[in-house]
Amino acid sequence: MSDFLHRTGYLDGPRDKDAIRAAEWQRDERMERMVTLRDSNPEMFDRMGTIARISLGYYENAKKIAAQYGRDTNKGGN
């Protein structure tokens, strides 16, 4: 079903989902602190809940896409 929905077009043309995601990305200081925790204290990071780690993965992926689209991801995301 999701493959069918993925191939479905829109009336006004295809969507660039990465561009939309890059435009919506905003810097989140809580996630930035989690990155620091992961890098400085991996044992404590491993004890964190699964949802927090998945959220961090989504945040970092969106941050990478925003950087690819020319957003400044170091200072507020503009």
C-alpha atoms as a PDB file:
ATOM      1  CA  MET A   1       0.000   0.000   0.000  1.00  0.00           C
ATOM      2  CA  SER A   2       2.721   2.514   0.883  1.00  0.00           C
ATOM      3  CA  ASP A   3       4.522   1.771  -2.395  1.00  0.00           C
ATOM      4  CA  PHE A   4       1.316   2.626  -4.258  1.00  0.00           C
ATOM      5  CA  LEU A   5       0.917   5.859  -2.288  1.00  0.00           C
ATOM      6  CA  HIS A   6       4.563   6.735  -2.848  1.00  0.00           C
ATOM      7  CA  ARG A   7       4.110   6.530  -6.641  1.00  0.00           C
ATOM      8  CA  THR A   8       0.877   8.519  -6.618  1.00  0.00           C
ATOM      9  CA  GLY A   9       1.177  11.992  -8.122  1.00  0.00           C
ATOM     10  CA  TYR A  10      -0.457  15.238  -7.122  1.00  0.00           C
ATOM     11  CA  LEU A  11      -2.668  17.338  -9.370  1.00  0.00           C
ATOM     12  CA  ASP A  12      -0.196  20.219  -9.367  1.00  0.00           C
ATOM     13  CA  GLY A  13       2.934  18.041  -9.822  1.00  0.00           C
ATOM     14  CA  PRO A  14       5.272  15.938  -7.724  1.00  0.00           C
ATOM     15  CA  ARG A  15       6.354  16.997  -4.255  1.00  0.00           C
ATOM     16  CA  ASP A  16       9.977  17.479  -3.258  1.00  0.00           C
ATOM     17  CA  LYS A  17       9.677  15.989   0.209  1.00  0.00           C
ATOM     18  CA  ASP A  18      13.286  16.783   1.094  1.00  0.00           C
ATOM     19  CA  ALA A  19      12.813  20.470   0.235  1.00  0.00           C
ATOM     20  CA  ILE A  20       9.691  20.588   2.388  1.00  0.00           C
ATOM     21  CA  ARG A  21      11.505  18.879   5.243  1.00  0.00           C
ATOM     22  CA  ALA A  22      14.466  21.259   4.902  1.00  0.00           C
ATOM     23  CA  ALA A  23      12.178  24.289   4.993  1.00  0.00           C
ATOM     24  CA  GLU A  24      10.417  23.046   8.128  1.00  0.00           C
ATOM     25  CA  TRP A  25      13.567  22.114  10.069  1.00  0.00           C
ATOM     26  CA  GLN A  26      14.245  24.149  13.203  1.00  0.00           C
ATOM     27  CA  ARG A  27      17.153  23.878  15.578  1.00  0.00           C
ATOM     28  CA  ASP A  28      16.185  22.113  18.802  1.00  0.00           C
ATOM     29  CA  GLU A  29      18.545  22.659  21.719  1.00  0.00           C
ATOM     30  CA  ARG A  30      17.276  19.520  23.494  1.00  0.00           C
ATOM     31  CA  MET A  31      18.288  17.399  20.521  1.00  0.00           C
ATOM     32  CA  GLU A  32      21.637  19.170  20.293  1.00  0.00           C
ATOM     33  CA  ARG A  33      22.252  18.293  23.963  1.00  0.00           C
ATOM     34  CA  MET A  34      21.372  14.671  23.184  1.00  0.00           C
ATOM     35  CA  VAL A  35      24.001  14.677  20.414  1.00  0.00           C
ATOM     36  CA  THR A  36      26.540  15.961  22.921  1.00  0.00           C
ATOM     37  CA  LEU A  37      25.483  13.299  25.430  1.00  0.00           C
ATOM     38  CA  ARG A  38      25.746  10.557  22.794  1.00  0.00           C
ATOM     39  CA  ASP A  39      29.253  11.675  21.871  1.00  0.00           C
ATOM     40  CA  SER A  40      30.536  12.312  25.399  1.00  0.00           C
ATOM     41  CA  ASN A  41      28.782   9.583  27.404  1.00  0.00           C
ATOM     42  CA  PRO A  42      27.646   6.723  25.146  1.00  0.00           C
ATOM     43  CA  GLU A  43      26.824   4.428  28.091  1.00  0.00           C
ATOM     44  CA  MET A  44      24.214   6.834  29.432  1.00  0.00           C
ATOM     45  CA  PHE A  45      22.878   7.451  25.928  1.00  0.00           C
ATOM     46  CA  ASP A  46      22.419   3.696  25.452  1.00  0.00           C
ATOM     47  CA  ARG A  47      20.258   3.594  28.588  1.00  0.00           C
ATOM     48  CA  MET A  48      17.902   6.237  27.218  1.00  0.00           C
ATOM     49  CA  GLY A  49      14.543   5.200  25.866  1.00  0.00           C
ATOM     50  CA  THR A  50      14.062   3.975  22.344  1.00  0.00           C
ATOM     51  CA  ILE A  51      11.737   6.848  21.433  1.00  0.00           C
ATOM     52  CA  ALA A  52      14.366   9.439  22.385  1.00  0.00           C
ATOM     53  CA  ARG A  53      16.998   7.714  20.244  1.00  0.00           C
ATOM     54  CA  ILE A  54      14.624   7.386  17.280  1.00  0.00           C
ATOM     55  CA  SER A  55      13.669  11.061  17.632  1.00  0.00           C
ATOM     56  CA  LEU A  56      17.334  11.997  17.572  1.00  0.00           C
ATOM     57  CA  GLY A  57      17.800   9.986  14.385  1.00  0.00           C
ATOM     58  CA  TYR A  58      14.926  11.797  12.688  1.00  0.00           C
ATOM     59  CA  TYR A  59      16.261  15.152  13.891  1.00  0.00           C
ATOM     60  CA  GLU A  60      19.768  14.469  12.595  1.00  0.00           C
ATOM     61  CA  ASN A  61      18.438  13.263   9.243  1.00  0.00           C
ATOM     62  CA  ALA A  62      16.313  16.397   8.845  1.00  0.00           C
ATOM     63  CA  LYS A  63      19.294  18.543   9.869  1.00  0.00           C
ATOM     64  CA  LYS A  64      21.454  16.884   7.205  1.00  0.00           C
ATOM     65  CA  ILE A  65      18.784  17.496   4.553  1.00  0.00           C
ATOM     66  CA  ALA A  66      18.435  21.139   5.650  1.00  0.00           C
ATOM     67  CA  ALA A  67      22.204  21.594   5.274  1.00  0.00           C
ATOM     68  CA  GLN A  68      22.042  20.088   1.776  1.00  0.00           C
ATOM     69  CA  TYR A  69      19.447  22.710   0.857  1.00  0.00           C
ATOM     70  CA  GLY A  70      21.687  25.540   2.053  1.00  0.00           C
ATOM     71  CA  ARG A  71      20.283  26.167   5.514  1.00  0.00           C
ATOM     72  CA  ASP A  72      22.715  27.172   8.267  1.00  0.00           C
ATOM     73  CA  THR A  73      22.262  24.331  10.727  1.00  0.00           C
ATOM     74  CA  ASN A  74      24.815  25.643  13.222  1.00  0.00           C
ATOM     75  CA  LYS A  75      23.083  28.785  14.488  1.00  0.00           C
ATOM     76  CA  GLY A  76      19.326  28.650  14.513  1.00  0.00           C
ATOM     77  CA  GLY A  77      18.709  27.168  11.107  1.00  0.00           C
ATOM     78  CA  ASN A  78      18.180  30.205   8.887  1.00  0.00           C
END
